[in-house]
Protein backbone atom coordinates (compact mmCIF):
# COMPACT_ATOMS: atom_id res chain seq x y z
CA UNK A 1 0.00 0.00 0.00
CA UNK A 2 1.12 3.52 -0.76
CA UNK A 3 0.25 6.26 1.77
CA UNK A 4 0.09 9.78 0.28
CA UNK A 5 -0.15 12.43 2.99
CA UNK A 6 -2.42 15.34 2.13
CA UNK A 7 -2.10 19.00 3.16
CA UNK A 8 -4.30 18.24 6.20
CA UNK A 9 -1.96 16.57 8.71
CA UNK A 10 -2.87 12.95 9.34
CA UNK A 11 -5.08 12.68 6.24
CA UNK A 12 -3.83 10.14 3.71
CA UNK A 13 -4.93 8.81 0.37
CA UNK A 14 -4.13 5.12 0.43
CA UNK A 15 -3.45 3.44 -2.90
CA UNK A 16 -3.40 -0.33 -2.96
CA UNK A 17 -0.87 -2.49 -4.73
CA UNK A 18 -3.17 -5.01 -6.42
CA UNK A 19 -2.06 -8.45 -7.53
CA UNK A 20 -3.76 -9.55 -10.73
CA UNK A 21 -3.86 -12.96 -12.35
CA UNK A 22 -6.37 -15.11 -14.24
CA UNK A 23 -8.58 -15.35 -11.14
CA UNK A 24 -9.01 -11.61 -10.80
CA UNK A 25 -7.55 -9.05 -8.43
CA UNK A 26 -6.31 -9.37 -4.85
CA UNK A 27 -5.34 -6.40 -2.71
CA UNK A 28 -4.62 -5.72 0.90
CA UNK A 29 -7.19 -3.33 2.35
CA UNK A 30 -5.82 -2.90 5.86
CA UNK A 31 -2.49 -3.62 7.54
CA UNK A 32 -2.00 -2.98 11.24
CA UNK A 33 1.75 -2.45 10.87
CA UNK A 34 1.65 -0.22 7.78
CA UNK A 35 -1.08 1.99 9.22
CA UNK A 36 0.88 2.27 12.48
CA UNK A 37 4.06 3.18 10.60
CA UNK A 38 2.23 6.25 9.26
CA UNK A 39 0.93 7.35 12.65
CA UNK A 40 -2.59 6.12 11.92
CA UNK A 41 -4.41 4.49 14.83
CA UNK A 42 -4.21 0.94 13.64
CA UNK A 43 -6.82 -0.52 15.96
CA UNK A 44 -10.34 -0.81 14.61
CA UNK A 45 -13.18 -0.44 17.10
CA UNK A 46 -16.04 -0.23 14.61
CA UNK A 47 -16.60 -0.98 10.93
CA UNK A 48 -19.53 0.44 8.98
CA UNK A 49 -21.08 -0.03 5.57
CA UNK A 50 -23.08 2.68 3.83
CA UNK A 51 -25.40 1.51 1.05
CA UNK A 52 -26.71 4.34 -1.10
CA UNK A 53 -29.42 3.73 -3.69
CA UNK A 54 -29.30 6.97 -5.63
CA UNK A 55 -26.78 9.27 -7.28
CA UNK A 56 -26.24 12.60 -5.52
CA UNK A 57 -27.01 11.27 -2.06
CA UNK A 58 -25.14 13.32 0.52
CA UNK A 59 -23.98 12.05 3.91
CA UNK A 60 -22.22 14.31 6.40
CA UNK A 61 -20.40 16.36 7.60
CA UNK A 62 -19.85 14.14 10.64
CA UNK A 63 -17.23 14.01 13.39
CA UNK A 64 -16.92 13.27 17.10
CA UNK A 65 -15.47 15.52 19.80
CA UNK A 66 -12.64 14.42 22.09
CA UNK A 67 -12.14 12.23 23.97
CA UNK A 68 -13.98 10.11 21.39
CA UNK A 69 -12.50 11.66 18.25
CA UNK A 70 -12.36 8.98 15.61
CA UNK A 71 -10.02 8.32 12.78
CA UNK A 72 -11.85 6.85 9.78
CA UNK A 73 -10.65 5.05 6.68
CA UNK A 74 -13.22 5.12 3.86
CA UNK A 75 -13.31 3.05 0.68
CA UNK A 76 -15.85 3.03 -2.11
CA UNK A 77 -16.27 -0.63 -3.04
CA UNK A 78 -18.99 -0.07 -5.64
CA UNK A 79 -19.80 3.06 -7.60
CA UNK A 80 -18.09 6.40 -7.00
CA UNK A 81 -18.17 9.17 -4.42
CA UNK A 82 -16.82 12.68 -4.02
CA UNK A 83 -15.54 13.07 -0.45
CA UNK A 84 -14.64 16.32 1.31
CA UNK A 85 -12.53 16.37 4.46
CA UNK A 86 -12.33 19.55 6.55
CA UNK A 87 -9.89 20.23 9.40
CA UNK A 88 -11.74 21.29 12.56
CA UNK A 89 -8.72 20.99 14.88
CA UNK A 90 -8.25 24.32 16.62
CA UNK A 91 -4.53 25.02 16.66
CA UNK A 92 -3.84 23.07 13.46
CA UNK A 93 -1.94 24.87 10.70
CA UNK A 94 -4.79 23.93 8.34
CA UNK A 95 -7.71 24.75 10.68
CA UNK A 96 -10.90 25.23 8.63
CA UNK A 97 -9.20 24.19 5.35
CA UNK A 98 -10.53 21.33 3.27
CA UNK A 99 -9.60 18.90 0.54
CA UNK A 100 -11.63 16.68 -1.75
CA UNK A 101 -11.01 13.30 -3.32
CA UNK A 102 -12.92 10.98 -5.61
CA UNK A 103 -13.05 7.37 -4.49
CA UNK A 104 -14.40 4.70 -6.80
CA UNK A 105 -14.24 1.03 -7.56
CA UNK A 106 -11.84 1.62 -10.44
CA UNK A 107 -9.13 3.59 -8.59
CA UNK A 108 -9.54 1.40 -5.46
CA UNK A 109 -8.27 4.26 -3.32
CA UNK A 110 -9.12 4.78 0.33
CA UNK A 111 -8.92 7.97 2.37
CA UNK A 112 -7.86 8.09 5.99
CA UNK A 113 -9.43 10.95 7.94
CA UNK A 114 -7.63 12.01 11.13
CA UNK A 115 -9.50 12.57 14.40
CA UNK A 116 -10.70 16.16 14.51
CA UNK A 117 -11.48 16.29 10.81
CA UNK A 118 -15.03 16.00 9.52
CA UNK A 119 -16.02 14.38 6.27
CA UNK A 120 -18.99 14.25 3.97
CA UNK A 121 -19.49 12.44 0.71
CA UNK A 122 -21.75 12.77 -2.28
CA UNK A 123 -22.50 9.69 -4.36
CA UNK A 124 -21.84 10.20 -8.06
CA UNK A 125 -23.92 7.28 -9.32
CA UNK A 126 -26.67 4.92 -8.21
CA UNK A 127 -25.97 1.96 -5.92
CA UNK A 128 -22.79 3.06 -4.18
CA UNK A 129 -21.31 0.90 -1.44
CA UNK A 130 -18.92 2.51 1.04
CA UNK A 131 -17.02 0.72 3.79
CA UNK A 132 -15.24 2.49 6.60
CA UNK A 133 -13.19 1.51 9.61
CA UNK A 134 -13.26 3.67 12.73
CA UNK A 135 -10.69 3.94 15.52
CA UNK A 136 -13.45 4.69 18.06
CA UNK A 137 -16.98 3.50 18.62
CA UNK A 138 -19.88 5.78 17.79
CA UNK A 139 -20.70 8.01 20.79
CA UNK A 140 -23.96 9.92 20.21
CA UNK A 141 -23.23 12.46 22.95
CA UNK A 142 -19.96 13.42 21.21
CA UNK A 143 -21.29 13.41 17.64
CA UNK A 144 -21.33 16.70 15.80
CA UNK A 145 -22.12 17.83 12.29
CA UNK A 146 -21.92 20.88 10.09
CA UNK A 147 -23.98 21.74 7.03
CA UNK A 148 -22.71 20.61 3.66
CA UNK A 149 -23.11 24.18 2.35
CA UNK A 150 -21.78 26.10 5.36
CA UNK A 151 -20.71 29.49 3.93
CA UNK A 152 -17.63 29.64 6.20
CA UNK A 153 -15.96 26.96 4.05
CA UNK A 154 -17.18 27.57 0.47
CA UNK A 155 -17.27 23.84 -0.25
CA UNK A 156 -17.37 23.00 -3.95
CA UNK A 157 -19.57 20.02 -4.80
CA UNK A 158 -19.73 18.51 -8.29
CA UNK A 159 -23.53 18.48 -8.13
CA UNK A 160 -26.28 19.71 -5.83
CA UNK A 161 -27.41 16.92 -3.47
CA UNK A 162 -30.76 15.33 -4.36
CA UNK A 163 -31.07 13.06 -1.32
CA UNK A 164 -30.06 14.27 2.13
CA UNK A 165 -31.39 13.35 5.56
CA UNK A 166 -33.32 15.92 7.58
CA UNK A 167 -30.65 15.55 10.27
CA UNK A 168 -27.75 16.35 7.92
CA UNK A 169 -29.69 19.13 6.22
CA UNK A 170 -30.44 20.80 9.57
CA UNK A 171 -26.89 20.67 10.97
CA UNK A 172 -25.76 24.13 12.07
CA UNK A 173 -23.07 26.29 10.58
CA UNK A 174 -19.69 25.69 12.16
CA UNK A 175 -18.94 27.74 15.26
CA UNK A 176 -15.19 27.62 15.96
CA UNK A 177 -15.73 28.59 19.62
CA UNK A 178 -18.13 25.70 20.28
CA UNK A 179 -17.52 22.91 17.79
CA UNK A 180 -13.75 22.89 17.28
CA UNK A 181 -11.76 19.79 18.05
CA UNK A 182 -9.14 20.77 20.61
CA UNK A 183 -5.73 19.23 19.90
């Protein structure tokens, strides 16, 4: 696996090294030692699967406050998604900056999101299947969200969402004095 650190500290694009033969393709999806060598919490406390029926379904922005901040590694196993990661770590050199990445079944990439960063994704086609590993268990009391179109960030989406939950659509704008992740 190849780990490509992004401008947001602790955020990596992970490119697999697939092995191909007449049977198909084999690739390693997770390696405790390799993740640990890059400073990524290599223990997995929860794994989730997101099944999305329709193109332009939006999920997020989600994150958890300390002490339950979670690192997440997302992969799109079927279909394609546009994922945005935003740094909400007060004191970080990239506080309130964001990056985007397309994950799909063809490029087989994953993205690791550091604790204190929030992410949201927009499906780009019908029937997308996303798997993600989390370094912490879901803690509802520590869960937070920000709106996908919060004007403080000027997020650029490839398309307007067509399907979004009431919960995600009603998340507040980010307030750095209340919702920052303290390093």
